[in-house]
Protein backbone atom coordinates (compact mmCIF):
# COMPACT_ATOMS: atom_id res chain seq x y z
CA UNK A 1 4.28 -23.84 10.10
CA UNK A 2 2.89 -22.04 7.17
CA UNK A 3 4.34 -19.41 4.96
CA UNK A 4 2.91 -15.66 5.48
CA UNK A 5 2.88 -14.76 1.96
CA UNK A 6 2.93 -11.14 1.56
CA UNK A 7 2.08 -8.23 -1.02
CA UNK A 8 2.46 -4.43 -1.56
CA UNK A 9 -0.07 -2.42 -3.77
CA UNK A 10 1.39 1.11 -4.65
CA UNK A 11 -1.83 3.32 -5.10
CA UNK A 12 -1.49 5.57 -7.54
CA UNK A 13 -5.00 8.50 -8.15
CA UNK A 14 -5.03 7.32 -11.54
CA UNK A 15 -5.70 9.77 -15.17
CA UNK A 16 -7.37 9.92 -17.90
CA UNK A 17 -6.03 8.75 -21.32
CA UNK A 18 -5.31 11.26 -23.58
CA UNK A 19 -6.67 9.57 -26.29
CA UNK A 20 -10.51 8.59 -24.90
CA UNK A 21 -13.26 10.19 -26.56
CA UNK A 22 -14.23 12.98 -24.19
CA UNK A 23 -18.41 12.47 -24.57
CA UNK A 24 -17.34 9.10 -22.59
CA UNK A 25 -15.56 11.14 -19.57
CA UNK A 26 -18.49 13.97 -19.15
CA UNK A 27 -21.48 11.96 -19.30
CA UNK A 28 -18.96 9.78 -16.19
CA UNK A 29 -18.47 12.58 -14.55
CA UNK A 30 -21.73 14.57 -14.92
CA UNK A 31 -23.26 11.26 -13.22
CA UNK A 32 -21.20 10.76 -10.78
CA UNK A 33 -21.73 13.99 -9.51
CA UNK A 34 -25.08 14.01 -9.35
CA UNK A 35 -25.13 10.73 -8.02
CA UNK A 36 -22.30 11.90 -4.71
CA UNK A 37 -24.37 15.24 -4.23
CA UNK A 38 -27.90 12.67 -4.40
CA UNK A 39 -26.12 10.19 -1.77
CA UNK A 40 -27.61 7.68 -3.88
CA UNK A 41 -26.37 4.23 -5.27
CA UNK A 42 -24.20 3.96 -7.74
CA UNK A 43 -25.75 3.13 -11.14
CA UNK A 44 -25.31 0.12 -13.85
CA UNK A 45 -24.61 3.35 -16.50
CA UNK A 46 -22.06 4.89 -14.47
CA UNK A 47 -20.40 1.36 -13.58
CA UNK A 48 -20.33 0.57 -17.30
CA UNK A 49 -18.82 3.78 -18.13
CA UNK A 50 -16.42 3.85 -14.59
CA UNK A 51 -15.58 0.07 -16.52
CA UNK A 52 -14.81 1.74 -19.99
CA UNK A 53 -12.71 4.35 -18.71
CA UNK A 54 -10.86 1.69 -16.44
CA UNK A 55 -10.53 -0.68 -19.18
CA UNK A 56 -9.39 1.97 -21.59
CA UNK A 57 -5.94 0.42 -23.61
CA UNK A 58 -3.53 2.58 -23.16
CA UNK A 59 0.14 3.14 -23.56
CA UNK A 60 3.09 5.21 -22.24
CA UNK A 61 1.68 8.24 -24.64
CA UNK A 62 -1.84 7.90 -24.24
CA UNK A 63 -1.73 7.82 -20.36
CA UNK A 64 2.07 8.62 -18.82
CA UNK A 65 0.90 9.01 -15.23
CA UNK A 66 -0.17 5.21 -15.41
CA UNK A 67 3.78 4.81 -17.20
CA UNK A 68 4.88 6.71 -14.61
CA UNK A 69 3.03 4.85 -11.89
CA UNK A 70 4.20 1.59 -12.97
CA UNK A 71 8.02 2.63 -13.69
CA UNK A 72 8.10 3.70 -10.13
CA UNK A 73 6.40 0.32 -8.91
CA UNK A 74 9.61 -1.70 -10.75
CA UNK A 75 11.99 0.80 -8.87
CA UNK A 76 10.47 0.04 -6.15
CA UNK A 77 10.68 -4.27 -6.61
CA UNK A 78 13.89 -4.90 -5.94
CA UNK A 79 13.77 -3.07 -2.65
CA UNK A 80 10.65 -5.19 -1.27
CA UNK A 81 12.77 -8.73 -2.08
CA UNK A 82 9.76 -11.30 -0.59
CA UNK A 83 6.61 -9.24 -1.21
CA UNK A 84 4.74 -9.12 -4.27
CA UNK A 85 4.56 -6.48 -5.66
CA UNK A 86 1.42 -4.96 -7.74
CA UNK A 87 0.14 -1.28 -8.71
CA UNK A 88 -3.60 -0.21 -8.12
CA UNK A 89 -5.74 2.94 -9.40
CA UNK A 90 -7.67 4.47 -7.09
CA UNK A 91 -9.78 5.50 -10.13
CA UNK A 92 -9.40 5.61 -13.81
CA UNK A 93 -7.47 3.19 -14.27
CA UNK A 94 -6.85 -0.65 -13.77
CA UNK A 95 -6.71 -2.08 -11.67
CA UNK A 96 -8.69 -0.65 -8.83
CA UNK A 97 -7.41 -1.61 -5.85
CA UNK A 98 -10.54 -4.00 -5.57
CA UNK A 99 -9.33 -5.90 -8.35
CA UNK A 100 -5.68 -5.68 -7.10
CA UNK A 101 -6.42 -7.51 -3.55
CA UNK A 102 -9.12 -10.20 -5.57
CA UNK A 103 -6.09 -11.48 -7.65
CA UNK A 104 -3.99 -11.63 -4.60
CA UNK A 105 -6.24 -13.73 -2.48
CA UNK A 106 -6.03 -16.44 -5.69
CA UNK A 107 -1.83 -15.87 -4.99
CA UNK A 108 -3.17 -17.05 -1.12
CA UNK A 109 -1.25 -13.87 0.32
CA UNK A 110 -2.25 -13.29 3.66
CA UNK A 111 -0.94 -10.12 4.60
CA UNK A 112 -0.94 -6.97 2.04
CA UNK A 113 -0.18 -3.20 2.68
CA UNK A 114 -1.08 -0.47 1.18
CA UNK A 115 0.90 2.31 0.33
CA UNK A 116 -0.24 5.59 -2.09
CA UNK A 117 1.79 7.95 -3.83
CA UNK A 118 -0.92 10.60 -2.51
CA UNK A 119 0.92 12.15 0.28
CA UNK A 120 -0.34 15.44 2.60
CA UNK A 121 -3.12 14.50 4.46
CA UNK A 122 -6.36 16.50 3.10
CA UNK A 123 -6.95 14.46 0.00
CA UNK A 124 -10.45 12.60 0.06
CA UNK A 125 -8.73 9.82 -1.34
CA UNK A 126 -5.92 9.33 0.95
CA UNK A 127 -7.88 9.38 4.67
CA UNK A 128 -11.11 8.38 3.37
CA UNK A 129 -11.79 6.57 -0.01
CA UNK A 130 -8.86 4.02 0.82
CA UNK A 131 -9.54 3.80 4.54
CA UNK A 132 -12.99 2.62 3.77
CA UNK A 133 -12.46 0.34 1.08
CA UNK A 134 -9.78 -1.65 2.92
CA UNK A 135 -13.10 -2.01 5.80
CA UNK A 136 -15.18 -3.57 3.11
CA UNK A 137 -11.85 -5.65 1.98
CA UNK A 138 -11.45 -6.36 5.64
CA UNK A 139 -14.65 -7.80 5.73
CA UNK A 140 -14.64 -10.05 2.05
CA UNK A 141 -11.38 -11.58 2.97
CA UNK A 142 -10.72 -12.20 6.48
CA UNK A 143 -7.93 -14.30 6.41
CA UNK A 144 -5.73 -11.50 4.35
CA UNK A 145 -4.44 -8.96 6.75
CA UNK A 146 -4.22 -5.35 5.21
CA UNK A 147 -2.57 -2.53 6.47
CA UNK A 148 -2.46 1.33 5.29
CA UNK A 149 1.16 2.19 5.15
CA UNK A 150 -0.89 6.10 5.71
CA UNK A 151 -0.09 8.86 5.97
CA UNK A 152 3.43 9.51 5.57
CA UNK A 153 5.44 10.65 8.06
CA UNK A 154 6.13 15.02 7.04
CA UNK A 155 9.77 14.92 8.61
CA UNK A 156 10.82 12.12 6.49
CA UNK A 157 8.84 13.23 3.23
CA UNK A 158 10.60 16.79 4.06
CA UNK A 159 13.68 15.56 3.94
CA UNK A 160 13.33 14.16 1.10
CA UNK A 161 11.84 17.32 -1.14
CA UNK A 162 15.21 18.83 0.37
CA UNK A 163 17.48 16.56 -0.66
CA UNK A 164 15.69 16.61 -3.77
CA UNK A 165 16.43 19.84 -4.41
CA UNK A 166 19.81 20.22 -3.29
CA UNK A 167 20.86 17.68 -5.33
CA UNK A 168 18.75 18.53 -8.12
CA UNK A 169 20.47 22.02 -8.26
CA UNK A 170 23.66 20.70 -8.14
CA UNK A 171 23.02 18.82 -11.36
CA UNK A 172 24.65 21.00 -14.25
CA UNK A 173 20.91 20.47 -16.79
CA UNK A 174 18.91 21.46 -13.45
CA UNK A 175 17.74 24.86 -15.15
CA UNK A 176 15.34 25.10 -17.53
CA UNK A 177 17.56 28.06 -18.90
């Protein structure tokens, strides 16, 4: 009997590094917005700018969002015994979801669960883009069972937030004053 090798991909939105030249971002955003409005396919220029942004060298100081997601993953990893854990980003950061899946496919993973930090409904990334990407990845990798652990239970999330508020307010350093 073949052992099922499982992985989790923690998907964050992704942010821009503080030290990237503004002109690179402006050119990317202009081309991206024009393409989305026109409904045309991605251009080689947009792909190149996207790659430049995603692969920009980052530090915790230049990209605190990426550092924060990786810290969250490091807290999750000990609780996910038996799973390979990777981070991925919807945009602006490396690796993309597709790249993370490509890497996991090389490790003979047969089941991948994606979970995003984008919690509430109504966001195009979590509701539309990630499911569309998973559909394409399912076709690319028919031997991998993909699951998307979304949407979240609003009752569970509300409980998490209210518990956090109560615990936060009881801490002596909680006040900003």
